[in-house]
Amino acid sequence: MTTPSFTITRVFDASRERVWAAWTDPERLAAWFGPKETKGTVLEYDLRPGGVWRGRMDAPDGSAMFSKFVFEQVDPPSRLMWIHGFADEHGARIRAPFAPLFPLELRTTVTFAEVDGGTRITLEWVPLDASSEEEAFFSSMMDSMTGGWTGSFDQLDAYLAQS
């Protein structure tokens, strides 16, 4: 069986340098990153291979989820790659709080390409060391992941329009 992958692409009406900065400056990142109606906080951000990005997302119902990403590649202003996963409040890796069968870790690759005065972002998620059940669950979540990233990209679009 081929490892499933999720890919989403969006073009933003902003220069690649501005879009790159929105992804790599912790203050800017906190202003838009995460599902709609959540408030993001960047707890740690060390933009280098081996560096850690930890975050907190607060939902309208008062619940909080934590994430921990470990950078593998940082190639300004064209590519970011990290190991993506959920964490407890101290940064220890945990299963996704919303779905125990969601893969423990994903490789995230984000590319930034100049197109007609704007920037095309392509984001890909690939499960790492996932069981066949986890891969099947990941595949079943494609519509939900599309909705989640579309919401995040909508917020990035709005952020870029006002900044």
Protein backbone atom coordinates (compact mmCIF):
# COMPACT_ATOMS: atom_id res chain seq x y z
CA MET A 1 0.00 0.00 0.00
CA THR A 2 1.24 3.48 -0.88
CA THR A 3 1.51 5.91 2.01
CA PRO A 4 -1.31 8.42 1.62
CA SER A 5 -0.54 12.11 1.31
CA PHE A 6 -2.62 15.25 1.63
CA THR A 7 -1.88 18.27 -0.54
CA ILE A 8 -3.49 21.70 -0.66
CA THR A 9 -2.47 24.65 -2.81
CA ARG A 10 -3.47 28.30 -2.65
CA VAL A 11 -2.32 31.50 -4.36
CA PHE A 12 -1.96 34.62 -2.22
CA ASP A 13 -1.94 38.19 -3.52
CA ALA A 14 1.34 39.08 -1.81
CA SER A 15 5.04 38.81 -2.56
CA ARG A 16 6.86 35.64 -1.65
CA GLU A 17 8.90 37.59 0.92
CA ARG A 18 5.73 38.80 2.71
CA VAL A 19 4.17 35.34 2.69
CA TRP A 20 7.43 33.78 3.90
CA ALA A 21 7.57 36.35 6.74
CA ALA A 22 3.98 35.48 7.73
CA TRP A 23 5.10 31.85 8.17
CA THR A 24 8.47 32.49 9.80
CA ASP A 25 8.01 35.47 12.14
CA PRO A 26 6.39 34.17 15.37
CA GLU A 27 4.32 37.33 15.97
CA ARG A 28 2.92 37.28 12.43
CA LEU A 29 2.38 33.52 12.54
CA ALA A 30 0.32 33.77 15.74
CA ALA A 31 -1.95 36.32 14.05
CA TRP A 32 -3.32 33.81 11.49
CA PHE A 33 -2.16 30.20 12.02
CA GLY A 34 -4.79 27.67 13.09
CA PRO A 35 -8.39 26.79 12.39
CA LYS A 36 -10.95 29.58 12.10
CA GLU A 37 -12.31 30.85 15.40
CA THR A 38 -9.26 29.70 17.35
CA LYS A 39 -6.64 31.93 18.93
CA GLY A 40 -3.08 30.85 18.32
CA THR A 41 -0.12 31.43 20.58
CA VAL A 42 3.46 30.66 19.60
CA LEU A 43 5.15 29.27 22.73
CA GLU A 44 8.55 28.56 21.17
CA TYR A 45 9.93 29.15 17.70
CA ASP A 46 13.48 28.26 16.67
CA LEU A 47 13.62 28.50 12.86
CA ARG A 48 16.52 26.18 11.97
CA PRO A 49 16.91 22.48 11.18
CA GLY A 50 16.42 20.69 14.51
CA GLY A 51 14.67 23.75 15.97
CA VAL A 52 11.26 23.46 17.60
CA TRP A 53 8.02 25.34 17.01
CA ARG A 54 5.52 24.82 19.84
CA GLY A 55 2.08 26.34 19.81
CA ARG A 56 -1.22 26.52 21.63
CA MET A 57 -4.65 26.84 20.02
CA ASP A 58 -7.54 28.05 22.16
CA ALA A 59 -11.02 27.19 20.89
CA PRO A 60 -14.15 29.27 21.52
CA ASP A 61 -15.41 26.61 23.99
CA GLY A 62 -12.37 27.24 26.21
CA SER A 63 -10.50 24.07 25.30
CA ALA A 64 -6.83 24.17 24.32
CA MET A 65 -4.68 21.98 22.10
CA PHE A 66 -0.90 22.05 21.91
CA SER A 67 1.39 21.26 19.00
CA LYS A 68 5.07 20.56 18.56
CA PHE A 69 6.80 20.77 15.20
CA VAL A 70 10.49 20.03 14.64
CA PHE A 71 12.06 21.74 11.63
CA GLU A 72 13.94 19.53 9.17
CA GLN A 73 14.58 22.06 6.38
CA VAL A 74 14.51 25.84 6.23
CA ASP A 75 15.28 27.18 2.75
CA PRO A 76 14.34 30.90 2.63
CA PRO A 77 12.14 31.98 0.95
CA SER A 78 11.09 28.82 -0.87
CA ARG A 79 10.64 25.83 1.45
CA LEU A 80 9.91 24.73 5.00
CA MET A 81 9.77 21.13 6.18
CA TRP A 82 8.98 19.88 9.67
CA ILE A 83 7.77 16.89 11.67
CA HIS A 84 4.26 17.79 12.76
CA GLY A 85 2.39 16.47 15.77
CA PHE A 86 0.34 17.20 18.87
CA ALA A 87 1.88 17.69 22.30
CA ASP A 88 0.95 18.17 25.91
CA GLU A 89 1.42 21.60 27.50
CA HIS A 90 5.08 20.75 28.23
CA GLY A 91 5.91 19.75 24.65
CA ALA A 92 5.85 15.94 25.02
CA ARG A 93 4.42 14.20 21.93
CA ILE A 94 0.85 12.91 22.37
CA ARG A 95 -1.86 11.49 20.13
CA ALA A 96 -4.29 13.91 18.50
CA PRO A 97 -6.82 14.77 21.23
CA PHE A 98 -9.69 14.59 18.73
CA ALA A 99 -8.84 11.22 17.14
CA PRO A 100 -6.61 8.48 18.59
CA LEU A 101 -6.16 6.89 15.14
CA PHE A 102 -4.75 10.06 13.59
CA PRO A 103 -1.05 9.39 12.84
CA LEU A 104 1.25 10.41 15.68
CA GLU A 105 3.53 12.37 13.35
CA LEU A 106 3.32 13.85 9.87
CA ARG A 107 6.00 15.28 7.63
CA THR A 108 4.88 18.73 6.54
CA THR A 109 6.39 20.34 3.46
CA VAL A 110 5.43 23.90 2.52
CA THR A 111 6.72 25.43 -0.71
CA PHE A 112 6.51 29.10 -1.67
CA ALA A 113 6.56 29.91 -5.40
CA GLU A 114 6.32 33.28 -7.15
CA VAL A 115 3.37 33.42 -9.58
CA ASP A 116 2.02 36.47 -11.46
CA GLY A 117 2.80 38.99 -8.73
CA GLY A 118 1.63 36.67 -5.97
CA THR A 119 2.74 33.56 -4.13
CA ARG A 120 1.57 29.99 -4.51
CA ILE A 121 1.75 27.91 -1.35
CA THR A 122 1.69 24.15 -1.65
CA LEU A 123 1.40 22.25 1.62
CA GLU A 124 1.79 18.48 1.83
CA TRP A 125 1.25 16.16 4.81
CA VAL A 126 2.57 12.60 4.79
CA PRO A 127 2.12 10.24 7.79
CA LEU A 128 5.35 8.93 9.33
CA ASP A 129 5.69 5.38 10.68
CA ALA A 130 1.89 5.01 10.68
CA SER A 131 0.06 1.72 10.94
CA SER A 132 -2.28 0.68 8.13
CA GLU A 133 -5.22 1.65 10.39
CA GLU A 134 -3.74 5.10 10.97
CA GLU A 135 -3.09 5.56 7.25
CA ALA A 136 -6.68 4.54 6.46
CA PHE A 137 -7.98 6.99 9.08
CA PHE A 138 -5.73 9.74 7.68
CA SER A 139 -7.15 9.05 4.19
CA SER A 140 -10.69 9.27 5.58
CA MET A 141 -9.92 12.73 7.02
CA MET A 142 -9.01 14.41 3.70
CA ASP A 143 -12.20 16.51 3.51
CA SER A 144 -11.75 17.65 7.11
CA MET A 145 -8.08 18.53 6.50
CA THR A 146 -9.07 20.48 3.38
CA GLY A 147 -11.62 22.42 5.43
CA GLY A 148 -9.14 23.10 8.23
CA TRP A 149 -6.35 24.32 5.97
CA THR A 150 -8.80 26.33 3.84
CA GLY A 151 -9.85 28.13 7.02
CA SER A 152 -6.23 28.77 7.99
CA PHE A 153 -5.43 30.02 4.50
CA ASP A 154 -8.49 32.30 4.62
CA GLN A 155 -7.06 33.79 7.80
CA LEU A 156 -3.64 34.16 6.17
CA ASP A 157 -5.28 35.91 3.21
CA ALA A 158 -7.03 38.35 5.56
CA TYR A 159 -3.83 38.94 7.52
CA LEU A 160 -1.85 39.69 4.36
CA ALA A 161 -4.58 42.07 3.14
CA GLN A 162 -4.42 44.16 6.32
CA SER A 163 -0.70 44.06 7.08
